[in-house]
Amino acid sequence: MPPRKRTKAAAPRTSRTAQVAVQAIERINPLTVDLAVTLGTEHPLRLERPIVVAAGPLGFGNEAGSAIDLREVGLFVVRGISLRPRFGGLMPRLVEVPGGLMHAVNRENPGADEVIDRHGASWRSAPCAVALSLVASSVKELAQLIARVERRADELGIAALEIDLTAPCDGLDGGRWESSADEALRLIDTARGATDRPLIAKVSSAASELRRLASESIDAGIDVLSVSGSPHGFLPDRARRGPALAAGIGELSGPLVRPAALAAIAEAASGAGAPIIGGGGIGSPADALDTFAAGASAVSLGTALWADPRLPGAVGDSLRRAVAARGETSVLALRGSALGSRHE
């Protein structure tokens, strides 16, 4: 019996549509990906890159240019300033904890006038947009602070104002503004009545009624929600006879807060409100991609910049590659990719 002839199995046919899609993805050059984003509609904030330096780690501005390449950044947020000087917490006010840091700096600053006089020139010459983070313990104080800032904001090229809702509120017995959605919205409404600049509201993963705050903050006057603030933490000292920090309760930063931060970003995104700047524990380009996948439109970098000053550039490169791999040309194609049907 003659041997059977072996026939070559035909390769599965690929549809023309699939071929075109594959070719399109292959043709995308990461260098052609547009990283620019416009956040908000009523008072839009345009950033050349969706990469934000969070308020705090790099100070008031003069220090930033020597620490990182601000050309790789879309927005630099100046360390929090208040109407009058605020004094820092007692020592120790910074301790290492598993997976990060705990600090109680108490938003120390010499007051708005001195900060503007000493650092304003560096904001005007910065190669990226600059926002001021405003710290106020009452509605009246915030209105006065914005009035003070607005006198020179145009001269100094201030692109936006950030309202720090993680700061203590006198009306809540020192609790954070974000612990009461009603109080937080009242503060936002006051800020909107005092300025026409883009407004960013900063909250932490511990914010109360975060979904409601995200959905109602636009009506109150906010343009962007920054879910990037530090949650509270506590640690005893080694002898367990007192707190590790002189202030007792501190704020947490570092990789340990990242899962909670991602959950908060996803919850805020489900509120279908203001566009989100997401942060908290981001230490690598992969972490930044996770933040976009959770629903953010921009990413906020903080204490990780101390360890890796080249992180903004690495994040930008990673974003371009990820967008190109999807066959897209805009970074917003990454937003909410992990939320599925939850994301609207």
Foldseek 3Di string as FASTA:
>chain_A
DDDDDDDDDDDDDDDPVVVVQVVLLVPADLVLFQQWDWFFDQFIFIFSHLEEADADFQAAFPRLVVLFPLLLHAEYEHHEAFQAFDAFDDPPAWDADVFFIWGGRLSGDHHDVVSCVVHLQRQQPGNHAYEYEYADQELVRVLVNLVVCVVCCVVSRHQEYEYEQCFFHVVVVGHGNQQDLVSVLVSLLSVQVRDSHAYEYEDELPGPPLLVSLQCNVVSPHREYEHAFFDKDWDCPPVNPGTPGPVGITTTAAQVCLVSQLVSLLSSQLSVHTAYAGHGHDQALVSQLSSQLSAHSHYYDYPSSVVPSCRSVRNSSSLSVVQSSSSHRYSNVSHNNNVPPSGD
